[in-house]
Amino acid sequence: MFAIERIRIIKNYIQNNHQAEVSTLSNMLNVSEVTIRRDLEKLEEEGFLTRTHGGAVLNKEEEEPVIYAEGYNPADYNEIADIAVQMIHDGDVIMLTNGLINLHIAKKLGNKNNITVLTNDITIAMELSGHKSVNVILLGGDIDSRYNAVFGSLTVNNLKKFFVSKLFIDIDGITSELDLTVSSIDMASLIQEAAHNANQKILLLTADAFEKNSFYRVGKAQQIADRMITNSRIKDTYKNLIFNSNIQLFTSIDAFEGNV
């Protein structure tokens, strides 16, 4: 990883957590603590942070509010994340693709034990890096600042080295024919490759995603995944479509009926 990429990840981590320990950053980025201290020294010279014993804290004037997409409703995302977390068991090896729903899932994994999480989302990796019971693996690749995630041929090649028990796929849109769509061709390629290396594939999308389409097609829902989680506002029309496609549908109303 180039120094400029490493420093960008460190800045993102500290902006989200307001502080960082040298040991945490060293483990997350797989570099020496000496290298991390040099990075922190450079960021202190820029006025971004103040170094402390064993770490650093964000300077108050550098704090930036998190900007969410228009129409963002945290209740919808938490509803889906709560269901997904019930499907994750101690000892599982899972993958969380980049996306806001998966970030909500990551925030709820603190009470799980011996979980390994593979992800291409830098924010998710930073969120999980502080949990001692969670082993997080951040895929390598080219950083896309629009999504704060890594993509590209290196990411796809790294994916081929892993097999996960559960893959959670954050989807932007779905058509009336159950075609899955996302906003980036790199994102579509990553999902297609990840689906080859997972035992269970689980789609994550809000009910609003059924009313919109993104530009890049991933594939038919029934070809990509065997489960889908959405919130309880989903229309009956779409429930019937999903049922007829032999995809297990979970919402807050029925998620805990039976064994998930």
C-alpha atoms as a PDB file:
ATOM      1  CA  MET A   1       0.000   0.000   0.000  1.00  0.00           C
ATOM      2  CA  PHE A   2       1.329   3.452  -0.931  1.00  0.00           C
ATOM      3  CA  ALA A   3       1.884   6.011   1.823  1.00  0.00           C
ATOM      4  CA  ILE A   4      -0.760   8.355   0.402  1.00  0.00           C
ATOM      5  CA  GLU A   5      -3.378   5.572   0.572  1.00  0.00           C
ATOM      6  CA  ARG A   6      -2.322   4.643   4.105  1.00  0.00           C
ATOM      7  CA  ILE A   7      -2.610   8.242   5.306  1.00  0.00           C
ATOM      8  CA  ARG A   8      -6.033   8.604   3.714  1.00  0.00           C
ATOM      9  CA  ILE A   9      -7.251   5.514   5.599  1.00  0.00           C
ATOM     10  CA  ILE A  10      -5.783   6.844   8.848  1.00  0.00           C
ATOM     11  CA  LYS A  11      -7.541  10.200   8.347  1.00  0.00           C
ATOM     12  CA  ASN A  12     -10.855   8.479   7.641  1.00  0.00           C
ATOM     13  CA  TYR A  13     -10.463   6.292  10.718  1.00  0.00           C
ATOM     14  CA  ILE A  14      -9.717   9.232  13.019  1.00  0.00           C
ATOM     15  CA  GLN A  15     -12.527  11.345  11.551  1.00  0.00           C
ATOM     16  CA  ASN A  16     -14.970   8.533  12.327  1.00  0.00           C
ATOM     17  CA  ASN A  17     -13.584   7.613  15.755  1.00  0.00           C
ATOM     18  CA  HIS A  18     -12.127  10.985  16.847  1.00  0.00           C
ATOM     19  CA  GLN A  19      -9.024   9.182  18.110  1.00  0.00           C
ATOM     20  CA  ALA A  20      -6.779   6.219  17.328  1.00  0.00           C
ATOM     21  CA  GLU A  21      -4.167   4.028  18.945  1.00  0.00           C
ATOM     22  CA  VAL A  22      -0.899   3.335  17.156  1.00  0.00           C
ATOM     23  CA  SER A  23      -1.223  -0.402  17.778  1.00  0.00           C
ATOM     24  CA  THR A  24      -4.737  -0.491  16.263  1.00  0.00           C
ATOM     25  CA  LEU A  25      -3.647   1.327  13.103  1.00  0.00           C
ATOM     26  CA  SER A  26      -0.535  -0.825  12.842  1.00  0.00           C
ATOM     27  CA  ASN A  27      -2.551  -4.061  12.945  1.00  0.00           C
ATOM     28  CA  MET A  28      -5.240  -2.752  10.605  1.00  0.00           C
ATOM     29  CA  LEU A  29      -2.778  -1.579   7.935  1.00  0.00           C
ATOM     30  CA  ASN A  30      -0.195  -4.345   8.486  1.00  0.00           C
ATOM     31  CA  VAL A  31       2.736  -1.938   8.906  1.00  0.00           C
ATOM     32  CA  SER A  32       5.096  -1.247  11.790  1.00  0.00           C
ATOM     33  CA  GLU A  33       4.225   1.076  14.644  1.00  0.00           C
ATOM     34  CA  VAL A  34       7.228   3.198  13.655  1.00  0.00           C
ATOM     35  CA  THR A  35       5.618   3.793  10.245  1.00  0.00           C
ATOM     36  CA  ILE A  36       2.307   4.736  11.873  1.00  0.00           C
ATOM     37  CA  ARG A  37       4.013   7.200  14.203  1.00  0.00           C
ATOM     38  CA  ARG A  38       5.651   8.883  11.207  1.00  0.00           C
ATOM     39  CA  ASP A  39       2.270   9.147   9.498  1.00  0.00           C
ATOM     40  CA  LEU A  40       0.724  10.646  12.628  1.00  0.00           C
ATOM     41  CA  GLU A  41       3.611  13.105  12.913  1.00  0.00           C
ATOM     42  CA  LYS A  42       2.955  14.280   9.359  1.00  0.00           C
ATOM     43  CA  LEU A  43      -0.782  14.679  10.040  1.00  0.00           C
ATOM     44  CA  GLU A  44       0.021  16.630  13.213  1.00  0.00           C
ATOM     45  CA  GLU A  45       2.193  18.996  11.189  1.00  0.00           C
ATOM     46  CA  GLU A  46      -0.797  19.541   8.888  1.00  0.00           C
ATOM     47  CA  GLY A  47      -2.928  20.448  11.909  1.00  0.00           C
ATOM     48  CA  PHE A  48      -5.250  17.490  11.419  1.00  0.00           C
ATOM     49  CA  LEU A  49      -4.614  15.828  14.791  1.00  0.00           C
ATOM     50  CA  THR A  50      -2.715  16.001  18.043  1.00  0.00           C
ATOM     51  CA  ARG A  51      -0.480  13.120  18.998  1.00  0.00           C
ATOM     52  CA  THR A  52      -0.872  11.566  22.420  1.00  0.00           C
ATOM     53  CA  HIS A  53       0.926   8.812  24.302  1.00  0.00           C
ATOM     54  CA  GLY A  54       0.295   5.711  22.179  1.00  0.00           C
ATOM     55  CA  GLY A  55      -1.957   7.383  19.625  1.00  0.00           C
ATOM     56  CA  ALA A  56      -3.618  10.580  18.453  1.00  0.00           C
ATOM     57  CA  VAL A  57      -6.835  12.582  18.761  1.00  0.00           C
ATOM     58  CA  LEU A  58      -8.690  14.538  16.111  1.00  0.00           C
ATOM     59  CA  ASN A  59      -8.444  18.314  16.309  1.00  0.00           C
ATOM     60  CA  LYS A  60     -11.911  19.720  16.952  1.00  0.00           C
ATOM     61  CA  GLU A  61     -11.899  22.021  13.952  1.00  0.00           C
ATOM     62  CA  GLU A  62     -11.292  19.029  11.682  1.00  0.00           C
ATOM     63  CA  GLU A  63     -14.446  17.149  12.703  1.00  0.00           C
ATOM     64  CA  GLU A  64     -16.839  16.780   9.771  1.00  0.00           C
ATOM     65  CA  PRO A  65     -20.476  15.666   9.931  1.00  0.00           C
ATOM     66  CA  VAL A  66     -21.354  12.398   8.237  1.00  0.00           C
ATOM     67  CA  ILE A  67     -23.337  13.127   5.078  1.00  0.00           C
ATOM     68  CA  TYR A  68     -26.013  10.611   4.158  1.00  0.00           C
ATOM     69  CA  ALA A  69     -27.960  10.270   0.943  1.00  0.00           C
ATOM     70  CA  GLU A  70     -31.220  12.124   0.554  1.00  0.00           C
ATOM     71  CA  GLY A  71     -34.108  10.190   2.083  1.00  0.00           C
ATOM     72  CA  TYR A  72     -31.856   8.255   4.441  1.00  0.00           C
ATOM     73  CA  ASN A  73     -33.929   6.728   7.236  1.00  0.00           C
ATOM     74  CA  PRO A  74     -31.783   5.106   9.954  1.00  0.00           C
ATOM     75  CA  ALA A  75     -34.754   3.090  11.248  1.00  0.00           C
ATOM     76  CA  ASP A  76     -34.963   1.195   7.931  1.00  0.00           C
ATOM     77  CA  TYR A  77     -31.271   0.353   7.976  1.00  0.00           C
ATOM     78  CA  ASN A  78     -31.289  -0.698  11.616  1.00  0.00           C
ATOM     79  CA  GLU A  79     -34.335  -2.895  11.016  1.00  0.00           C
ATOM     80  CA  ILE A  80     -32.521  -4.785   8.268  1.00  0.00           C
ATOM     81  CA  ALA A  81     -29.251  -4.937  10.210  1.00  0.00           C
ATOM     82  CA  ASP A  82     -30.978  -6.398  13.296  1.00  0.00           C
ATOM     83  CA  ILE A  83     -32.311  -9.269  11.176  1.00  0.00           C
ATOM     84  CA  ALA A  84     -28.946  -9.870   9.499  1.00  0.00           C
ATOM     85  CA  VAL A  85     -27.089 -10.021  12.824  1.00  0.00           C
ATOM     86  CA  GLN A  86     -29.399 -12.858  13.936  1.00  0.00           C
ATOM     87  CA  MET A  87     -28.074 -14.878  10.989  1.00  0.00           C
ATOM     88  CA  ILE A  88     -24.459 -14.431  12.091  1.00  0.00           C
ATOM     89  CA  HIS A  89     -23.180 -16.935  14.647  1.00  0.00           C
ATOM     90  CA  ASP A  90     -20.018 -17.144  16.743  1.00  0.00           C
ATOM     91  CA  GLY A  91     -17.172 -18.531  14.665  1.00  0.00           C
ATOM     92  CA  ASP A  92     -18.642 -17.462  11.297  1.00  0.00           C
ATOM     93  CA  VAL A  93     -16.514 -16.205   8.429  1.00  0.00           C
ATOM     94  CA  ILE A  94     -18.535 -13.577   6.573  1.00  0.00           C
ATOM     95  CA  MET A  95     -18.152 -10.887   3.940  1.00  0.00           C
ATOM     96  CA  LEU A  96     -19.743  -7.449   4.049  1.00  0.00           C
ATOM     97  CA  THR A  97     -19.697  -5.629   0.718  1.00  0.00           C
ATOM     98  CA  ASN A  98     -19.438  -1.858   0.807  1.00  0.00           C
ATOM     99  CA  GLY A  99     -22.630  -0.052   1.714  1.00  0.00           C
ATOM    100  CA  LEU A 100     -24.570   1.693   4.435  1.00  0.00           C
ATOM    101  CA  ILE A 101     -26.671  -1.316   5.478  1.00  0.00           C
ATOM    102  CA  ASN A 102     -23.550  -3.401   5.962  1.00  0.00           C
ATOM    103  CA  LEU A 103     -22.020  -0.584   8.006  1.00  0.00           C
ATOM    104  CA  HIS A 104     -25.043  -0.781  10.314  1.00  0.00           C
ATOM    105  CA  ILE A 105     -24.454  -4.550  10.582  1.00  0.00           C
ATOM    106  CA  ALA A 106     -20.792  -3.967  11.448  1.00  0.00           C
ATOM    107  CA  LYS A 107     -21.798  -1.636  14.289  1.00  0.00           C
ATOM    108  CA  LYS A 108     -23.863  -4.452  15.825  1.00  0.00           C
ATOM    109  CA  LEU A 109     -21.205  -7.201  15.792  1.00  0.00           C
ATOM    110  CA  GLY A 110     -19.549  -6.253  19.071  1.00  0.00           C
ATOM    111  CA  ASN A 111     -21.341  -8.996  21.041  1.00  0.00           C
ATOM    112  CA  LYS A 112     -20.288 -11.773  18.659  1.00  0.00           C
ATOM    113  CA  ASN A 113     -17.283 -13.981  19.351  1.00  0.00           C
ATOM    114  CA  ASN A 114     -14.552 -15.193  17.011  1.00  0.00           C
ATOM    115  CA  ILE A 115     -16.060 -13.605  13.880  1.00  0.00           C
ATOM    116  CA  THR A 116     -13.943 -13.079  10.772  1.00  0.00           C
ATOM    117  CA  VAL A 117     -15.153 -10.307   8.470  1.00  0.00           C
ATOM    118  CA  LEU A 118     -13.873  -9.822   4.934  1.00  0.00           C
ATOM    119  CA  THR A 119     -14.737  -6.460   3.359  1.00  0.00           C
ATOM    120  CA  ASN A 120     -13.791  -3.959   0.667  1.00  0.00           C
ATOM    121  CA  ASP A 121     -15.323  -1.090   2.685  1.00  0.00           C
ATOM    122  CA  ILE A 122     -12.738   1.012   4.526  1.00  0.00           C
ATOM    123  CA  THR A 123     -15.292   2.492   6.944  1.00  0.00           C
ATOM    124  CA  ILE A 124     -16.524  -0.986   7.888  1.00  0.00           C
ATOM    125  CA  ALA A 125     -12.948  -2.183   8.431  1.00  0.00           C
ATOM    126  CA  MET A 126     -12.247   0.802  10.670  1.00  0.00           C
ATOM    127  CA  GLU A 127     -15.481   0.265  12.609  1.00  0.00           C
ATOM    128  CA  LEU A 128     -14.575  -3.365  13.334  1.00  0.00           C
ATOM    129  CA  SER A 129     -10.865  -2.886  13.991  1.00  0.00           C
ATOM    130  CA  GLY A 130     -11.508  -1.922  17.600  1.00  0.00           C
ATOM    131  CA  HIS A 131     -13.371  -5.160  18.436  1.00  0.00           C
ATOM    132  CA  LYS A 132     -11.019  -7.783  19.868  1.00  0.00           C
ATOM    133  CA  SER A 133     -13.527 -10.571  19.152  1.00  0.00           C
ATOM    134  CA  VAL A 134     -13.700  -9.691  15.443  1.00  0.00           C
ATOM    135  CA  ASN A 135     -10.932 -10.426  12.951  1.00  0.00           C
ATOM    136  CA  VAL A 136     -11.301  -7.994  10.048  1.00  0.00           C
ATOM    137  CA  ILE A 137      -9.633  -8.416   6.643  1.00  0.00           C
ATOM    138  CA  LEU A 138      -9.629  -5.393   4.326  1.00  0.00           C
ATOM    139  CA  LEU A 139      -9.201  -6.380   0.691  1.00  0.00           C
ATOM    140  CA  GLY A 140      -6.522  -4.563  -1.262  1.00  0.00           C
ATOM    141  CA  GLY A 141      -7.241  -2.527  -4.371  1.00  0.00           C
ATOM    142  CA  ASP A 142      -7.756   0.962  -5.729  1.00  0.00           C
ATOM    143  CA  ILE A 143      -9.463   3.356  -3.305  1.00  0.00           C
ATOM    144  CA  ASP A 144     -12.665   4.929  -4.643  1.00  0.00           C
ATOM    145  CA  SER A 145     -13.273   8.061  -2.565  1.00  0.00           C
ATOM    146  CA  ARG A 146     -16.951   8.181  -3.582  1.00  0.00           C
ATOM    147  CA  TYR A 147     -17.666   5.031  -1.590  1.00  0.00           C
ATOM    148  CA  ASN A 148     -14.630   4.969   0.733  1.00  0.00           C
ATOM    149  CA  ALA A 149     -14.011   1.440  -0.527  1.00  0.00           C
ATOM    150  CA  VAL A 150     -11.532  -0.495  -2.659  1.00  0.00           C
ATOM    151  CA  PHE A 151     -12.258  -1.939  -6.094  1.00  0.00           C
ATOM    152  CA  GLY A 152     -10.487  -3.083  -9.241  1.00  0.00           C
ATOM    153  CA  SER A 153      -8.597  -6.093 -10.535  1.00  0.00           C
ATOM    154  CA  LEU A 154      -6.458  -6.417  -7.406  1.00  0.00           C
ATOM    155  CA  THR A 155      -9.577  -6.542  -5.226  1.00  0.00           C
ATOM    156  CA  VAL A 156     -11.197  -9.186  -7.417  1.00  0.00           C
ATOM    157  CA  ASN A 157      -8.005 -11.268  -7.479  1.00  0.00           C
ATOM    158  CA  ASN A 158      -7.743 -11.080  -3.673  1.00  0.00           C
ATOM    159  CA  LEU A 159     -11.348 -12.240  -3.383  1.00  0.00           C
ATOM    160  CA  LYS A 160     -10.461 -15.494  -5.101  1.00  0.00           C
ATOM    161  CA  LYS A 161      -8.245 -16.425  -2.144  1.00  0.00           C
ATOM    162  CA  PHE A 162     -11.145 -16.532   0.310  1.00  0.00           C
ATOM    163  CA  PHE A 163     -14.301 -18.552   0.940  1.00  0.00           C
ATOM    164  CA  VAL A 164     -16.937 -17.256   3.348  1.00  0.00           C
ATOM    165  CA  SER A 165     -19.898 -18.935   4.998  1.00  0.00           C
ATOM    166  CA  LYS A 166     -22.180 -15.917   4.529  1.00  0.00           C
ATOM    167  CA  LEU A 167     -21.993 -13.068   2.032  1.00  0.00           C
ATOM    168  CA  PHE A 168     -24.061  -9.957   2.764  1.00  0.00           C
ATOM    169  CA  ILE A 169     -24.644  -7.966  -0.422  1.00  0.00           C
ATOM    170  CA  ASP A 170     -25.679  -4.309  -0.163  1.00  0.00           C
ATOM    171  CA  ILE A 171     -27.856  -3.508  -3.212  1.00  0.00           C
ATOM    172  CA  ASP A 172     -28.915  -0.065  -4.498  1.00  0.00           C
ATOM    173  CA  GLY A 173     -31.908  -1.023  -6.636  1.00  0.00           C
ATOM    174  CA  ILE A 174     -34.030  -3.875  -7.965  1.00  0.00           C
ATOM    175  CA  THR A 175     -36.368  -3.989 -10.959  1.00  0.00           C
ATOM    176  CA  SER A 176     -39.825  -5.526 -11.270  1.00  0.00           C
ATOM    177  CA  GLU A 177     -38.073  -8.490 -12.977  1.00  0.00           C
ATOM    178  CA  LEU A 178     -35.768  -8.828  -9.933  1.00  0.00           C
ATOM    179  CA  ASP A 179     -32.677  -7.547 -11.737  1.00  0.00           C
ATOM    180  CA  LEU A 180     -30.208  -6.254  -9.147  1.00  0.00           C
ATOM    181  CA  THR A 181     -28.558  -2.903  -9.849  1.00  0.00           C
ATOM    182  CA  VAL A 182     -25.757  -0.862  -8.273  1.00  0.00           C
ATOM    183  CA  SER A 183     -24.199   2.534  -8.961  1.00  0.00           C
ATOM    184  CA  SER A 184     -20.729   1.372 -10.044  1.00  0.00           C
ATOM    185  CA  ILE A 185     -19.477  -1.149 -12.588  1.00  0.00           C
ATOM    186  CA  ASP A 186     -16.635  -2.034 -10.206  1.00  0.00           C
ATOM    187  CA  MET A 187     -19.192  -2.722  -7.476  1.00  0.00           C
ATOM    188  CA  ALA A 188     -21.145  -5.000  -9.820  1.00  0.00           C
ATOM    189  CA  SER A 189     -17.997  -6.935 -10.732  1.00  0.00           C
ATOM    190  CA  LEU A 190     -17.014  -7.353  -7.081  1.00  0.00           C
ATOM    191  CA  ILE A 191     -20.449  -8.729  -6.126  1.00  0.00           C
ATOM    192  CA  GLN A 192     -20.440 -11.165  -9.053  1.00  0.00           C
ATOM    193  CA  GLU A 193     -17.033 -12.502  -8.047  1.00  0.00           C
ATOM    194  CA  ALA A 194     -17.840 -12.652  -4.329  1.00  0.00           C
ATOM    195  CA  ALA A 195     -20.975 -14.702  -5.024  1.00  0.00           C
ATOM    196  CA  HIS A 196     -18.771 -17.503  -6.412  1.00  0.00           C
ATOM    197  CA  ASN A 197     -16.948 -17.818  -3.092  1.00  0.00           C
ATOM    198  CA  ALA A 198     -19.757 -17.966  -0.538  1.00  0.00           C
ATOM    199  CA  ASN A 199     -21.918 -20.719   0.840  1.00  0.00           C
ATOM    200  CA  GLN A 200     -24.890 -18.468   1.642  1.00  0.00           C
ATOM    201  CA  LYS A 201     -25.653 -15.271  -0.296  1.00  0.00           C
ATOM    202  CA  ILE A 202     -27.910 -12.697   1.359  1.00  0.00           C
ATOM    203  CA  LEU A 203     -29.247  -9.580  -0.361  1.00  0.00           C
ATOM    204  CA  LEU A 204     -29.760  -6.433   1.698  1.00  0.00           C
ATOM    205  CA  LEU A 205     -32.018  -3.627   0.472  1.00  0.00           C
ATOM    206  CA  THR A 206     -34.610  -1.225   1.781  1.00  0.00           C
ATOM    207  CA  ALA A 207     -38.199  -1.272   0.550  1.00  0.00           C
ATOM    208  CA  ASP A 208     -37.431   1.969  -1.297  1.00  0.00           C
ATOM    209  CA  ALA A 209     -34.889   0.110  -3.461  1.00  0.00           C
ATOM    210  CA  PHE A 210     -37.808  -1.622  -5.214  1.00  0.00           C
ATOM    211  CA  GLU A 211     -38.892   1.755  -6.532  1.00  0.00           C
ATOM    212  CA  LYS A 212     -35.597   2.754  -8.119  1.00  0.00           C
ATOM    213  CA  ASN A 213     -32.891   1.399 -10.415  1.00  0.00           C
ATOM    214  CA  SER A 214     -29.177   2.151 -10.525  1.00  0.00           C
ATOM    215  CA  PHE A 215     -27.167   2.136 -13.732  1.00  0.00           C
ATOM    216  CA  TYR A 216     -25.158  -1.100 -13.546  1.00  0.00           C
ATOM    217  CA  ARG A 217     -26.771  -4.523 -13.582  1.00  0.00           C
ATOM    218  CA  VAL A 218     -25.417  -7.241 -11.277  1.00  0.00           C
ATOM    219  CA  GLY A 219     -27.734 -10.063 -12.388  1.00  0.00           C
ATOM    220  CA  LYS A 220     -31.007 -11.719 -11.481  1.00  0.00           C
ATOM    221  CA  ALA A 221     -31.663 -11.916  -7.743  1.00  0.00           C
ATOM    222  CA  GLN A 222     -32.351 -15.655  -7.927  1.00  0.00           C
ATOM    223  CA  GLN A 223     -29.019 -16.236  -9.703  1.00  0.00           C
ATOM    224  CA  ILE A 224     -26.988 -14.195  -7.228  1.00  0.00           C
ATOM    225  CA  ALA A 225     -28.499 -15.046  -3.840  1.00  0.00           C
ATOM    226  CA  ASP A 226     -30.770 -17.394  -1.919  1.00  0.00           C
ATOM    227  CA  ARG A 227     -31.934 -15.009   0.828  1.00  0.00           C
ATOM    228  CA  MET A 228     -33.137 -11.421   0.944  1.00  0.00           C
ATOM    229  CA  ILE A 229     -33.589  -9.062   3.888  1.00  0.00           C
ATOM    230  CA  THR A 230     -35.635  -5.889   3.633  1.00  0.00           C
ATOM    231  CA  ASN A 231     -37.766  -3.793   5.941  1.00  0.00           C
ATOM    232  CA  SER A 232     -41.436  -4.336   6.659  1.00  0.00           C
ATOM    233  CA  ARG A 233     -42.657  -1.626   4.261  1.00  0.00           C
ATOM    234  CA  ILE A 234     -42.108  -3.891   1.250  1.00  0.00           C
ATOM    235  CA  LYS A 235     -45.206  -4.117  -0.958  1.00  0.00           C
ATOM    236  CA  ASP A 236     -47.108  -7.381  -1.332  1.00  0.00           C
ATOM    237  CA  THR A 237     -46.481  -7.308  -5.101  1.00  0.00           C
ATOM    238  CA  TYR A 238     -42.768  -7.667  -4.547  1.00  0.00           C
ATOM    239  CA  LYS A 239     -43.259 -10.247  -1.800  1.00  0.00           C
ATOM    240  CA  ASN A 240     -45.051 -12.456  -4.308  1.00  0.00           C
ATOM    241  CA  LEU A 241     -42.331 -11.945  -6.931  1.00  0.00           C
ATOM    242  CA  ILE A 242     -39.641 -12.965  -4.484  1.00  0.00           C
ATOM    243  CA  PHE A 243     -41.631 -15.953  -3.205  1.00  0.00           C
ATOM    244  CA  ASN A 244     -42.159 -17.223  -6.767  1.00  0.00           C
ATOM    245  CA  SER A 245     -38.413 -16.945  -7.400  1.00  0.00           C
ATOM    246  CA  ASN A 246     -37.611 -19.354  -4.536  1.00  0.00           C
ATOM    247  CA  ILE A 247     -35.752 -16.703  -2.540  1.00  0.00           C
ATOM    248  CA  GLN A 248     -36.238 -16.714   1.230  1.00  0.00           C
ATOM    249  CA  LEU A 249     -37.518 -13.294   2.270  1.00  0.00           C
ATOM    250  CA  PHE A 250     -36.944 -11.910   5.774  1.00  0.00           C
ATOM    251  CA  THR A 251     -38.512  -8.794   7.277  1.00  0.00           C
ATOM    252  CA  SER A 252     -38.908  -7.661  10.865  1.00  0.00           C
ATOM    253  CA  ILE A 253     -42.378  -9.191  10.902  1.00  0.00           C
ATOM    254  CA  ASP A 254     -41.361 -12.757  10.091  1.00  0.00           C
ATOM    255  CA  ALA A 255     -37.584 -12.936  10.461  1.00  0.00           C
ATOM    256  CA  PHE A 256     -37.628 -14.906  13.677  1.00  0.00           C
ATOM    257  CA  GLU A 257     -40.224 -17.436  12.670  1.00  0.00           C
ATOM    258  CA  GLY A 258     -38.340 -20.684  12.301  1.00  0.00           C
ATOM    259  CA  ASN A 259     -34.600 -21.140  12.221  1.00  0.00           C
ATOM    260  CA  VAL A 260     -32.579 -18.426  10.484  1.00  0.00           C
END
